[in-house]
Amino acid sequence: DLSYNMIQALPSFRRCEKIQKIDLHHNEIEELQADTFQGLTSLRSLDLAWNKLSSLNPLSFSSLPALIKLDLTSNQLSYLPVSGLHGLTHLKLAGNEDLQELLPAESLPKLRVMELPYAFQCCAFVSCEKHSSPWDRDNNHNGKDDFGRREGILSNQDHEDFLLDFDDEPKSHHTVQCSPSPGPFRPCHHLFGSWLIRVGVWVIATLSLVCNTLVMVSIFLSPSFLSPVKLLIGLLALVNSLMGLWSATLATVDALTFGSFGRYGARWESSTGCKLTGFVSIFASETSIFLLTVAALERGLSIRRGKAAEGKSSTGTLRLVAALCFLLGLAITLLPLLGDYGVSSICLPMPYEEPSSLGFMVALVLVNSLCYLIMTVTYARLYCSLEKGEPDNLWDCSMIRHVAWLLFTNCLLYFPVAFLSFSSLLKLPSVGPEVVKSVLLVVVPLPACLNPLLYVLFNPHFREDLGLLHRRTRGALRLSRPRRLSLVSLNSEDAEKQSCDSTQALVTFGVSEEEEESRGAGQQPSAEAHHPPIAFIPCR
């Protein structure tokens, strides 16, 4: 036993033929030579855990015919030589984050107990259909986080389990125990477990990207007055498009690794792309809730203050509040990156591997529930005030109704997310990991798809903005057309006529734009002005 020293290099144990156990854990050993353990024909247990091993000679274990237990927990290995390990029954490699390659099962035929860095490496040794869920800590208490992230030393009981009682193990017992276990969040074959989820994710991603782009174009490129609530709807579409990007990224990964996700799962989980994808997902989800809360509060305040509240001062204030929402969403999103949180294959923090992750998920659910409660109370008071029948406060009923639909839809979709989150935290037997994964992949990004659809299909402002944008584009094309025709046309009267038509269209468009600005500032439009009619929908 040479554990808990400061040994940096090992001599050759060539003449220790009768030694059976060597304990070298908690030292500073950086490499093993080919002759370090050469000739130890009686060695059965070798413990090299908690060292700084980064390099192993391919022949380091080639002359150890009696070795059955090898512990290399929490080192810096990126490669494991399997030469001479055909008789190994216990192998511990947890905590070696750089060891991402799959171990050859044919070179380790007698392995029965394994603790590996990644669950995907267990796919070659266990049946992917009969393993426990990732958060069943009773069956998976020796996972990578129990070894790779402890502060202190290995417990005496765990050490005894490793060193003792391997003479009386039944030879007929061939059950393989491998941790961490593969499961729905760390699958062996497909990232998406069923075609129903796969098709749903593709549909949500496509509709989210297309519809949110249409909403942003109609709001930010339209010449009409950009009211505060339309600004919030546009920012909400921007954030929802990021959620659609998360779904599209996962769908692409599932398609590229179809049938063999376990071969690339370790590299995907530890990659920068997965971390960035998870960052975008949490940021988009939280920021959209904050923006929707601000939109509900803004509608309530605008009804109280009347139409004059839509001026430039309120728009400037709202931009500051929207920037604060983005900063708050960014601060919440940075916590999983700065903290030591487990990450699943869908690039979301796993609340069952670290106490810090558990606290983060609980705090996230509570903050979101508080936001939805504020939105519900605000709109309840808003409709109570509208029942009094004050006609001056009913000037923008379409936007009031639209935000109400957004609130109702998002609250309805958030209810199963909150319910399953608390059920999973309480480890209720009725909630399985497959259900939780389906909710995270389909229900969580669904508001990013439905929010723009509600605006595109049922909000009259969308059609008005697209109409004004179409007129502006057509006017610009007519204005530029005579310049091209003047180089090839020989008829000056035709060119003059087209120029007059373009100028008239431009003047008509300018009057319409000025009227839109005056309407947003609270002024009454002129009776002599010519502009397309604006449709107003009464509240009742």
Protein backbone atom coordinates (compact mmCIF):
# COMPACT_ATOMS: atom_id res chain seq x y z
CA ASP A 1 0.00 0.00 0.00
CA LEU A 2 1.68 3.17 -1.26
CA SER A 3 -1.44 5.34 -1.41
CA TYR A 4 -1.62 8.98 -0.29
CA ASN A 5 1.99 9.87 -1.01
CA MET A 6 3.52 12.20 -3.55
CA ILE A 7 4.96 9.55 -5.83
CA GLN A 8 5.58 10.94 -9.31
CA ALA A 9 7.40 8.03 -10.97
CA LEU A 10 7.31 4.28 -10.40
CA PRO A 11 10.23 1.87 -10.46
CA SER A 12 9.98 -1.56 -12.01
CA PHE A 13 8.23 -4.22 -9.90
CA ARG A 14 9.92 -6.96 -11.94
CA ARG A 15 11.07 -9.09 -8.97
CA CYS A 16 7.80 -8.95 -7.02
CA GLU A 17 6.44 -12.15 -8.57
CA LYS A 18 4.26 -13.14 -5.58
CA ILE A 19 2.59 -9.81 -4.93
CA GLN A 20 -1.20 -9.89 -5.38
CA LYS A 21 -2.38 -6.34 -4.61
CA ILE A 22 -0.82 -2.95 -5.27
CA ASP A 23 -2.47 0.25 -4.02
CA LEU A 24 -1.13 3.46 -5.52
CA HIS A 25 -4.21 5.68 -5.40
CA HIS A 26 -3.96 9.41 -4.55
CA ASN A 27 -0.45 10.03 -5.81
CA GLU A 28 1.03 12.13 -8.62
CA ILE A 29 2.01 9.42 -11.10
CA GLU A 30 1.98 10.74 -14.66
CA GLU A 31 2.96 7.74 -16.80
CA LEU A 32 3.57 4.00 -16.84
CA GLN A 33 6.44 2.32 -18.62
CA ALA A 34 6.31 -1.04 -20.36
CA ASP A 35 8.37 -2.74 -17.63
CA THR A 36 6.69 -1.17 -14.58
CA PHE A 37 4.50 -4.21 -13.84
CA GLN A 38 6.23 -6.71 -16.09
CA GLY A 39 6.43 -10.26 -14.79
CA LEU A 40 3.89 -9.89 -11.97
CA THR A 41 2.15 -13.17 -12.68
CA SER A 42 0.31 -13.22 -9.33
CA LEU A 43 -1.01 -9.66 -9.38
CA ARG A 44 -4.80 -9.67 -9.13
CA SER A 45 -5.69 -6.12 -8.06
CA LEU A 46 -4.10 -2.84 -9.18
CA ASP A 47 -5.34 0.51 -7.91
CA LEU A 48 -4.04 3.63 -9.70
CA ALA A 49 -7.01 5.92 -8.98
CA TRP A 50 -6.67 9.65 -8.38
CA ASN A 51 -3.32 10.14 -10.07
CA LYS A 52 -2.23 12.23 -13.04
CA LEU A 53 -1.90 9.45 -15.57
CA SER A 54 -2.10 10.81 -19.08
CA SER A 55 0.12 8.35 -20.91
CA LEU A 56 0.08 4.55 -20.76
CA ASN A 57 2.46 2.37 -22.67
CA PRO A 58 0.59 -0.07 -24.95
CA LEU A 59 2.31 -2.94 -23.11
CA SER A 60 1.73 -1.63 -19.57
CA PHE A 61 -0.63 -4.52 -18.66
CA SER A 62 0.46 -7.11 -21.22
CA SER A 63 2.21 -9.45 -18.73
CA LEU A 64 -0.44 -9.61 -15.99
CA PRO A 65 -2.29 -12.88 -16.62
CA ALA A 66 -3.93 -12.99 -13.14
CA LEU A 67 -5.19 -9.38 -13.10
CA ILE A 68 -8.95 -9.25 -12.56
CA LYS A 69 -9.47 -5.80 -10.99
CA LEU A 70 -8.11 -2.52 -12.34
CA ASP A 71 -8.95 0.93 -10.97
CA LEU A 72 -7.94 3.99 -13.02
CA THR A 73 -10.57 6.35 -11.65
CA SER A 74 -10.07 10.13 -12.01
CA ASN A 75 -6.96 10.33 -14.13
CA GLN A 76 -6.32 12.15 -17.40
CA LEU A 77 -6.40 9.23 -19.79
CA SER A 78 -7.42 9.53 -23.41
CA TYR A 79 -6.44 5.98 -24.36
CA LEU A 80 -6.61 2.61 -22.59
CA PRO A 81 -4.38 -0.26 -23.79
CA VAL A 82 -6.32 -3.52 -23.58
CA SER A 83 -3.44 -5.86 -24.29
CA GLY A 84 -3.28 -8.45 -21.50
CA LEU A 85 -6.64 -7.50 -19.96
CA HIS A 86 -8.63 -10.43 -21.33
CA GLY A 87 -9.14 -11.86 -17.81
CA LEU A 88 -10.35 -8.57 -16.29
CA THR A 89 -13.68 -8.74 -14.41
CA HIS A 90 -13.76 -5.30 -12.69
CA LEU A 91 -12.76 -2.07 -14.44
CA LYS A 92 -13.08 1.49 -13.16
CA LEU A 93 -12.43 4.38 -15.52
CA ALA A 94 -14.85 7.02 -14.23
CA GLY A 95 -13.56 10.58 -14.18
CA ASN A 96 -11.38 10.30 -17.30
CA GLU A 97 -13.27 12.89 -19.34
CA ASP A 98 -10.87 12.69 -22.29
CA LEU A 99 -11.40 8.95 -22.71
CA GLN A 100 -14.21 9.12 -25.26
CA GLU A 101 -13.44 6.14 -27.46
CA LEU A 102 -15.48 2.94 -27.23
CA LEU A 103 -13.82 -0.02 -25.52
CA PRO A 104 -13.61 -3.20 -27.62
CA ALA A 105 -15.93 -5.74 -26.01
CA GLU A 106 -14.19 -8.64 -27.74
CA SER A 107 -10.91 -7.79 -25.94
CA LEU A 108 -12.62 -7.72 -22.52
CA PRO A 109 -14.85 -10.83 -22.59
CA LYS A 110 -15.01 -11.43 -18.81
CA LEU A 111 -15.95 -7.94 -17.63
CA ARG A 112 -18.88 -7.97 -15.22
CA VAL A 113 -18.55 -4.69 -13.28
CA MET A 114 -17.62 -1.47 -15.08
CA GLU A 115 -17.58 2.21 -14.19
CA LEU A 116 -16.88 4.18 -17.36
CA PRO A 117 -16.64 7.90 -18.15
CA TYR A 118 -19.68 7.92 -20.45
CA ALA A 119 -22.86 5.88 -20.62
CA PHE A 120 -22.41 5.33 -24.36
CA GLN A 121 -19.36 3.14 -23.65
CA CYS A 122 -21.65 0.68 -21.83
CA CYS A 123 -23.67 0.05 -24.98
CA ALA A 124 -21.22 -2.62 -26.16
CA PHE A 125 -21.50 -4.58 -22.88
CA VAL A 126 -25.14 -4.32 -21.77
CA SER A 127 -28.52 -4.53 -23.45
CA CYS A 128 -29.75 -1.04 -24.30
CA GLU A 129 -33.37 -2.03 -23.68
CA LYS A 130 -33.02 -3.37 -20.11
CA HIS A 131 -31.10 -0.72 -18.20
CA SER A 132 -32.31 1.60 -15.52
CA SER A 133 -33.08 5.27 -15.91
CA PRO A 134 -30.20 7.73 -15.65
CA TRP A 135 -31.34 9.08 -12.30
CA ASP A 136 -31.92 5.80 -10.44
CA ARG A 137 -29.17 6.48 -7.96
CA ASP A 138 -29.80 3.25 -6.04
CA ASN A 139 -28.81 1.18 -9.06
CA ASN A 140 -26.21 3.63 -10.32
CA HIS A 141 -24.57 4.94 -7.18
CA ASN A 142 -21.06 4.52 -8.57
CA GLY A 143 -21.45 6.70 -11.67
CA LYS A 144 -18.82 8.98 -13.08
CA ASP A 145 -19.83 11.92 -10.94
CA ASP A 146 -19.45 9.89 -7.74
CA PHE A 147 -15.79 9.38 -8.66
CA GLY A 148 -14.78 12.22 -10.93
CA ARG A 149 -16.13 15.01 -8.78
CA ARG A 150 -15.60 14.08 -5.18
CA GLU A 151 -13.45 16.37 -3.12
CA GLY A 152 -11.87 13.85 -0.83
CA ILE A 153 -10.95 10.22 -0.70
CA LEU A 154 -12.58 6.95 -1.56
CA SER A 155 -14.67 5.47 1.21
CA ASN A 156 -13.29 2.46 3.04
CA GLN A 157 -16.34 0.37 2.15
CA ASP A 158 -15.95 1.11 -1.55
CA HIS A 159 -12.25 0.27 -1.30
CA GLU A 160 -12.98 -3.01 0.40
CA ASP A 161 -15.58 -3.87 -2.25
CA PHE A 162 -12.90 -3.36 -4.84
CA LEU A 163 -10.17 -5.38 -3.20
CA LEU A 164 -11.95 -8.23 -1.45
CA ASP A 165 -14.32 -11.09 -2.20
CA PHE A 166 -13.28 -12.03 -5.70
CA ASP A 167 -12.33 -15.63 -4.99
CA ASP A 168 -15.88 -16.76 -4.19
CA GLU A 169 -17.73 -15.01 -7.03
CA PRO A 170 -19.95 -17.46 -8.92
CA LYS A 171 -18.60 -18.24 -12.33
CA SER A 172 -22.07 -18.87 -13.69
CA HIS A 173 -23.25 -15.34 -12.98
CA HIS A 174 -22.83 -13.39 -16.19
CA THR A 175 -24.87 -10.28 -15.41
CA VAL A 176 -22.97 -7.17 -16.46
CA GLN A 177 -23.23 -4.05 -14.32
CA CYS A 178 -22.11 -0.94 -16.13
CA SER A 179 -22.48 2.63 -14.93
CA PRO A 180 -23.53 5.19 -15.85
CA SER A 181 -26.33 3.28 -17.54
CA PRO A 182 -27.54 4.16 -21.02
CA GLY A 183 -31.10 5.43 -21.16
CA PRO A 184 -33.46 7.77 -22.97
CA PHE A 185 -31.25 10.78 -22.22
CA ARG A 186 -28.12 8.84 -23.23
CA PRO A 187 -29.31 6.43 -25.92
CA CYS A 188 -27.27 3.82 -27.73
CA HIS A 189 -28.88 3.94 -31.17
CA HIS A 190 -31.15 6.97 -31.76
CA LEU A 191 -31.19 10.40 -30.20
CA PHE A 192 -34.97 10.51 -30.67
CA GLY A 193 -36.64 7.39 -29.35
CA SER A 194 -39.58 7.25 -31.74
CA TRP A 195 -40.70 8.48 -35.13
CA LEU A 196 -43.52 10.42 -33.50
CA ILE A 197 -41.00 12.57 -31.60
CA ARG A 198 -38.75 12.81 -34.65
CA VAL A 199 -41.52 14.07 -36.94
CA GLY A 200 -42.84 16.41 -34.24
CA VAL A 201 -39.43 18.01 -33.71
CA TRP A 202 -38.94 18.53 -37.45
CA VAL A 203 -42.38 20.14 -37.82
CA ILE A 204 -41.84 22.42 -34.80
CA ALA A 205 -38.40 23.47 -36.00
CA THR A 206 -39.58 24.24 -39.54
CA LEU A 207 -42.70 26.17 -38.54
CA SER A 208 -40.85 28.04 -35.81
CA LEU A 209 -38.07 29.27 -38.10
CA VAL A 210 -40.41 30.19 -40.99
CA CYS A 211 -43.22 31.84 -39.01
CA ASN A 212 -40.94 33.76 -36.66
CA THR A 213 -39.01 35.09 -39.66
CA LEU A 214 -42.28 36.30 -41.21
CA VAL A 215 -43.27 38.03 -37.97
CA MET A 216 -39.90 39.77 -37.64
CA VAL A 217 -39.99 40.93 -41.27
CA SER A 218 -43.54 42.28 -40.96
CA ILE A 219 -42.76 44.18 -37.75
CA PHE A 220 -39.22 45.47 -38.12
CA LEU A 221 -39.22 46.16 -41.89
CA SER A 222 -42.72 47.59 -42.18
CA PRO A 223 -43.01 51.39 -42.54
CA SER A 224 -45.89 51.51 -40.05
CA PHE A 225 -45.52 52.90 -36.56
CA LEU A 226 -43.66 50.53 -34.23
CA SER A 227 -45.76 50.55 -31.09
CA PRO A 228 -44.37 49.18 -27.81
CA VAL A 229 -46.45 46.03 -27.92
CA LYS A 230 -45.42 45.33 -31.53
CA LEU A 231 -41.80 45.79 -30.48
CA LEU A 232 -42.30 43.16 -27.79
CA ILE A 233 -43.97 40.79 -30.25
CA GLY A 234 -41.03 41.22 -32.64
CA LEU A 235 -38.47 40.55 -29.91
CA LEU A 236 -40.49 37.54 -28.80
CA ALA A 237 -40.36 36.21 -32.38
CA LEU A 238 -36.58 36.71 -32.38
CA VAL A 239 -36.19 34.70 -29.18
CA ASN A 240 -38.62 32.00 -30.37
CA SER A 241 -36.58 31.57 -33.54
CA LEU A 242 -33.61 30.65 -31.33
CA MET A 243 -35.70 27.91 -29.74
CA GLY A 244 -36.54 26.67 -33.23
CA LEU A 245 -32.82 26.65 -33.98
CA TRP A 246 -32.28 24.37 -30.96
CA SER A 247 -34.88 21.92 -32.25
CA ALA A 248 -33.41 22.04 -35.75
CA THR A 249 -29.91 21.32 -34.41
CA LEU A 250 -31.06 18.28 -32.44
CA ALA A 251 -33.04 17.03 -35.44
CA THR A 252 -29.94 17.34 -37.61
CA VAL A 253 -27.78 15.46 -35.09
CA ASP A 254 -30.40 12.71 -34.92
CA ALA A 255 -30.43 12.40 -38.70
CA LEU A 256 -26.63 12.34 -39.02
CA THR A 257 -26.18 9.70 -36.28
CA PHE A 258 -29.24 7.64 -37.11
CA GLY A 259 -28.88 4.12 -35.72
CA SER A 260 -25.40 4.63 -34.22
CA PHE A 261 -25.67 7.56 -31.84
CA GLY A 262 -23.66 5.72 -29.16
CA ARG A 263 -20.53 5.94 -31.29
CA TYR A 264 -20.64 9.73 -31.31
CA GLY A 265 -22.58 10.46 -28.10
CA ALA A 266 -19.54 11.09 -25.88
CA ARG A 267 -17.99 13.53 -28.33
CA TRP A 268 -21.34 15.27 -28.85
CA GLU A 269 -22.03 15.76 -25.13
CA SER A 270 -18.59 17.24 -24.47
CA SER A 271 -18.46 19.33 -27.64
CA THR A 272 -18.73 23.10 -27.86
CA GLY A 273 -21.67 22.73 -30.24
CA CYS A 274 -23.74 20.90 -27.63
CA LYS A 275 -22.91 23.47 -24.95
CA LEU A 276 -23.81 26.31 -27.32
CA THR A 277 -27.05 24.56 -28.29
CA GLY A 278 -28.05 24.17 -24.64
CA PHE A 279 -27.13 27.79 -23.99
CA VAL A 280 -29.40 28.96 -26.82
CA SER A 281 -32.26 26.76 -25.60
CA ILE A 282 -32.29 27.97 -21.98
CA PHE A 283 -31.72 31.57 -23.02
CA ALA A 284 -34.60 31.51 -25.50
CA SER A 285 -36.97 29.77 -23.10
CA GLU A 286 -36.35 32.11 -20.15
CA THR A 287 -36.16 35.32 -22.17
CA SER A 288 -39.45 34.55 -23.94
CA ILE A 289 -41.20 34.16 -20.57
CA PHE A 290 -39.78 37.48 -19.36
CA LEU A 291 -40.81 39.26 -22.58
CA LEU A 292 -44.31 37.79 -22.40
CA THR A 293 -44.58 39.02 -18.79
CA VAL A 294 -43.53 42.52 -19.86
CA ALA A 295 -46.06 42.41 -22.72
CA ALA A 296 -48.88 41.56 -20.30
CA LEU A 297 -47.84 44.35 -17.93
CA GLU A 298 -47.54 46.80 -20.83
CA ARG A 299 -51.06 46.02 -22.05
CA GLY A 300 -52.45 46.58 -18.58
CA LEU A 301 -50.65 49.91 -18.17
CA SER A 302 -51.57 51.11 -21.67
CA ILE A 303 -55.27 50.55 -21.00
CA ARG A 304 -55.05 52.54 -17.81
CA ARG A 305 -53.12 55.43 -19.34
CA GLY A 306 -55.00 55.47 -22.64
CA LYS A 307 -53.83 55.88 -26.18
CA ALA A 308 -51.33 58.63 -25.31
CA ALA A 309 -49.15 55.99 -23.69
CA GLU A 310 -47.99 54.83 -27.13
CA GLY A 311 -45.61 57.75 -27.61
CA LYS A 312 -41.86 57.81 -28.05
CA SER A 313 -41.17 58.05 -24.32
CA SER A 314 -43.01 54.79 -23.57
CA THR A 315 -41.25 53.07 -26.48
CA GLY A 316 -37.85 54.14 -25.16
CA THR A 317 -38.69 52.93 -21.67
CA LEU A 318 -39.91 49.64 -23.04
CA ARG A 319 -36.66 49.13 -24.94
CA LEU A 320 -34.75 49.46 -21.69
CA VAL A 321 -37.06 46.96 -20.01
CA ALA A 322 -36.66 44.54 -22.95
CA ALA A 323 -32.87 44.88 -22.69
CA LEU A 324 -33.17 44.06 -18.99
CA CYS A 325 -35.13 40.92 -19.91
CA PHE A 326 -32.35 39.84 -22.25
CA LEU A 327 -29.70 40.47 -19.58
CA LEU A 328 -31.69 38.54 -16.98
CA GLY A 329 -32.13 35.61 -19.38
CA LEU A 330 -28.41 35.72 -20.14
CA ALA A 331 -27.53 35.67 -16.43
CA ILE A 332 -29.74 32.63 -15.82
CA THR A 333 -28.31 30.85 -18.85
CA LEU A 334 -24.71 31.36 -17.77
CA LEU A 335 -25.26 29.47 -14.50
CA PRO A 336 -25.15 25.96 -16.08
CA LEU A 337 -22.00 26.91 -18.00
CA LEU A 338 -20.23 28.31 -14.93
CA GLY A 339 -21.47 25.59 -12.58
CA ASP A 340 -20.54 21.93 -12.51
CA TYR A 341 -23.74 20.60 -14.04
CA GLY A 342 -24.31 17.35 -15.84
CA VAL A 343 -25.40 17.62 -19.47
CA SER A 344 -27.52 15.14 -21.41
CA SER A 345 -27.51 14.30 -25.10
CA ILE A 346 -30.23 16.89 -25.75
CA CYS A 347 -27.82 19.50 -24.32
CA LEU A 348 -29.94 20.40 -21.28
CA PRO A 349 -28.71 20.27 -17.66
CA MET A 350 -29.49 17.02 -15.89
CA PRO A 351 -30.96 17.77 -12.45
CA TYR A 352 -30.27 14.29 -11.12
CA GLU A 353 -26.50 14.14 -11.15
CA GLU A 354 -25.43 17.07 -8.98
CA PRO A 355 -27.11 18.90 -6.09
CA SER A 356 -26.27 22.19 -7.81
CA SER A 357 -28.17 21.09 -10.93
CA LEU A 358 -31.13 20.09 -8.78
CA GLY A 359 -31.23 23.50 -7.12
CA PHE A 360 -30.93 25.23 -10.48
CA MET A 361 -33.89 23.36 -11.99
CA VAL A 362 -36.05 23.98 -8.91
CA ALA A 363 -35.23 27.69 -8.96
CA LEU A 364 -35.98 27.83 -12.70
CA VAL A 365 -39.43 26.26 -12.29
CA LEU A 366 -40.27 28.59 -9.40
CA VAL A 367 -39.19 31.73 -11.31
CA ASN A 368 -41.21 30.72 -14.36
CA SER A 369 -44.25 29.95 -12.23
CA LEU A 370 -43.98 33.39 -10.63
CA CYS A 371 -43.89 35.04 -14.06
CA TYR A 372 -47.01 33.19 -15.21
CA LEU A 373 -48.77 34.12 -11.99
CA ILE A 374 -47.96 37.80 -12.58
CA MET A 375 -49.26 37.55 -16.15
CA THR A 376 -52.48 35.88 -15.06
CA VAL A 377 -53.21 38.44 -12.33
CA THR A 378 -52.41 41.33 -14.69
CA TYR A 379 -54.78 40.16 -17.40
CA ALA A 380 -57.48 39.28 -14.92
CA ARG A 381 -57.44 42.88 -13.66
CA LEU A 382 -57.28 44.12 -17.27
CA TYR A 383 -60.48 42.33 -18.25
CA CYS A 384 -62.17 43.45 -15.08
CA SER A 385 -61.41 47.05 -16.02
CA LEU A 386 -62.68 46.48 -19.57
CA GLU A 387 -66.00 45.23 -18.25
CA LYS A 388 -66.69 48.74 -16.94
CA GLY A 389 -67.30 49.78 -20.55
CA GLU A 390 -64.96 52.75 -20.88
CA PRO A 391 -64.86 53.33 -24.66
CA ASP A 392 -61.64 55.37 -24.57
CA ASN A 393 -59.68 52.37 -23.34
CA LEU A 394 -60.79 50.03 -26.14
CA TRP A 395 -58.64 51.51 -28.90
CA ASP A 396 -56.30 48.52 -29.58
CA CYS A 397 -58.39 45.45 -28.91
CA SER A 398 -56.57 43.22 -31.41
CA MET A 399 -53.28 43.44 -29.53
CA ILE A 400 -55.04 42.91 -26.19
CA ARG A 401 -56.65 39.79 -27.58
CA HIS A 402 -53.38 38.59 -29.14
CA VAL A 403 -51.40 38.88 -25.90
CA ALA A 404 -54.27 37.11 -24.13
CA TRP A 405 -54.00 34.19 -26.57
CA LEU A 406 -50.22 34.09 -26.07
CA LEU A 407 -50.69 34.04 -22.31
CA PHE A 408 -53.32 31.29 -22.45
CA THR A 409 -51.31 29.11 -24.85
CA ASN A 410 -48.00 29.42 -23.00
CA CYS A 411 -49.60 28.80 -19.60
CA LEU A 412 -51.39 25.72 -20.96
CA LEU A 413 -48.15 24.32 -22.36
CA TYR A 414 -46.13 25.19 -19.26
CA PHE A 415 -48.41 23.22 -16.94
CA PRO A 416 -47.20 19.71 -18.00
CA VAL A 417 -43.59 20.95 -17.93
CA ALA A 418 -43.93 22.15 -14.33
CA PHE A 419 -45.88 19.06 -13.28
CA LEU A 420 -43.34 16.62 -14.73
CA SER A 421 -40.44 18.64 -13.32
CA PHE A 422 -41.76 18.41 -9.77
CA SER A 423 -42.79 14.77 -10.30
CA SER A 424 -39.29 13.89 -11.46
CA LEU A 425 -37.74 15.77 -8.57
CA LEU A 426 -39.96 13.81 -6.17
CA LYS A 427 -39.11 10.58 -8.09
CA LEU A 428 -42.70 9.53 -8.53
CA PRO A 429 -42.87 6.04 -10.09
CA SER A 430 -45.51 7.09 -12.62
CA VAL A 431 -43.17 9.48 -14.39
CA GLY A 432 -40.55 7.78 -16.53
CA PRO A 433 -37.57 9.25 -18.33
CA GLU A 434 -39.20 8.61 -21.71
CA VAL A 435 -42.10 10.87 -20.77
CA VAL A 436 -39.79 13.60 -19.49
CA LYS A 437 -37.70 13.45 -22.66
CA SER A 438 -40.80 13.68 -24.86
CA VAL A 439 -42.01 16.74 -22.97
CA LEU A 440 -38.61 18.43 -23.25
CA LEU A 441 -38.36 17.77 -26.99
CA VAL A 442 -41.94 18.50 -28.05
CA VAL A 443 -43.85 20.49 -25.44
CA VAL A 444 -41.09 22.90 -24.34
CA PRO A 445 -40.36 24.27 -27.87
CA LEU A 446 -44.03 24.21 -28.92
CA PRO A 447 -44.72 27.84 -27.82
CA ALA A 448 -41.95 28.97 -30.17
CA CYS A 449 -44.04 27.49 -32.98
CA LEU A 450 -47.54 28.51 -31.84
CA ASN A 451 -46.73 32.12 -30.83
CA PRO A 452 -45.88 33.29 -34.38
CA LEU A 453 -48.71 31.19 -35.87
CA LEU A 454 -51.24 33.02 -33.70
CA TYR A 455 -49.87 36.35 -34.91
CA VAL A 456 -49.74 35.35 -38.58
CA LEU A 457 -53.20 33.78 -38.73
CA PHE A 458 -55.33 35.89 -36.40
CA ASN A 459 -53.76 39.30 -35.89
CA PRO A 460 -54.86 41.99 -38.40
CA HIS A 461 -51.67 43.98 -37.80
CA PHE A 462 -49.69 41.27 -39.60
CA ARG A 463 -51.68 41.72 -42.83
CA GLU A 464 -51.54 45.52 -42.54
CA ASP A 465 -47.78 45.53 -42.06
CA LEU A 466 -47.24 43.13 -44.95
CA GLY A 467 -49.46 45.30 -47.15
CA LEU A 468 -47.50 48.44 -46.33
CA LEU A 469 -44.22 46.59 -46.85
CA HIS A 470 -45.45 45.36 -50.22
CA ARG A 471 -46.42 48.90 -51.28
CA ARG A 472 -43.04 50.26 -50.22
CA THR A 473 -41.22 47.55 -52.20
CA ARG A 474 -43.41 48.09 -55.25
CA GLY A 475 -42.94 51.86 -55.04
CA ALA A 476 -39.18 51.47 -54.83
CA LEU A 477 -39.18 49.17 -57.86
CA ARG A 478 -41.29 51.63 -59.87
CA LEU A 479 -38.99 54.47 -58.91
CA SER A 480 -35.92 52.60 -60.09
CA ARG A 481 -37.50 51.26 -63.30
CA PRO A 482 -37.38 54.54 -65.38
CA ARG A 483 -33.63 54.79 -64.79
CA ARG A 484 -33.14 51.45 -66.49
CA LEU A 485 -35.60 52.23 -69.26
CA SER A 486 -34.04 55.62 -70.05
CA LEU A 487 -30.96 53.88 -71.41
CA VAL A 488 -32.83 51.75 -73.91
CA SER A 489 -36.11 53.54 -74.59
CA LEU A 490 -36.40 55.82 -77.60
CA ASN A 491 -39.88 57.10 -76.76
CA SER A 492 -39.59 60.05 -74.35
CA GLU A 493 -43.37 60.18 -73.79
CA ASP A 494 -43.45 56.63 -72.37
CA ALA A 495 -40.56 57.36 -70.08
CA GLU A 496 -42.22 60.58 -68.86
CA LYS A 497 -45.49 58.75 -68.21
CA GLN A 498 -43.80 55.99 -66.20
CA SER A 499 -41.89 58.58 -64.19
CA CYS A 500 -45.14 60.38 -63.31
CA ASP A 501 -46.76 57.07 -62.24
CA SER A 502 -43.80 56.25 -60.01
CA THR A 503 -43.77 59.69 -58.43
CA GLN A 504 -47.51 59.48 -57.74
CA ALA A 505 -47.08 56.07 -56.11
CA LEU A 506 -44.25 57.42 -53.97
CA VAL A 507 -46.31 60.44 -52.82
CA THR A 508 -49.24 58.17 -51.93
CA PHE A 509 -46.90 55.95 -49.92
CA GLY A 510 -45.39 58.95 -48.10
CA VAL A 511 -48.80 60.20 -47.02
CA SER A 512 -49.69 56.74 -45.74
CA GLU A 513 -46.48 56.55 -43.71
CA GLU A 514 -47.03 60.01 -42.18
CA GLU A 515 -50.56 59.06 -41.23
CA GLU A 516 -49.36 55.91 -39.57
CA GLU A 517 -46.88 57.95 -37.52
CA SER A 518 -49.56 60.51 -36.59
CA ARG A 519 -51.92 57.71 -35.64
CA GLY A 520 -49.23 56.24 -33.35
CA ALA A 521 -48.67 59.68 -31.76
CA GLY A 522 -52.36 60.04 -30.92
CA GLN A 523 -53.36 62.52 -33.69
CA GLN A 524 -56.44 62.17 -35.85
CA PRO A 525 -55.77 61.43 -39.52
CA SER A 526 -56.76 63.94 -42.17
CA ALA A 527 -60.07 63.42 -43.96
CA GLU A 528 -58.49 64.27 -47.34
CA ALA A 529 -55.72 61.74 -47.05
CA HIS A 530 -55.75 58.67 -49.26
CA HIS A 531 -54.56 55.49 -47.58
CA PRO A 532 -55.61 51.83 -47.39
CA PRO A 533 -58.31 51.16 -44.79
CA ILE A 534 -57.16 49.85 -41.40
CA ALA A 535 -59.28 47.09 -39.93
CA PHE A 536 -60.23 47.39 -36.25
CA ILE A 537 -61.72 44.42 -34.43
CA PRO A 538 -64.09 45.26 -31.55
CA CYS A 539 -63.46 43.53 -28.22
CA ARG A 540 -66.92 42.01 -28.11
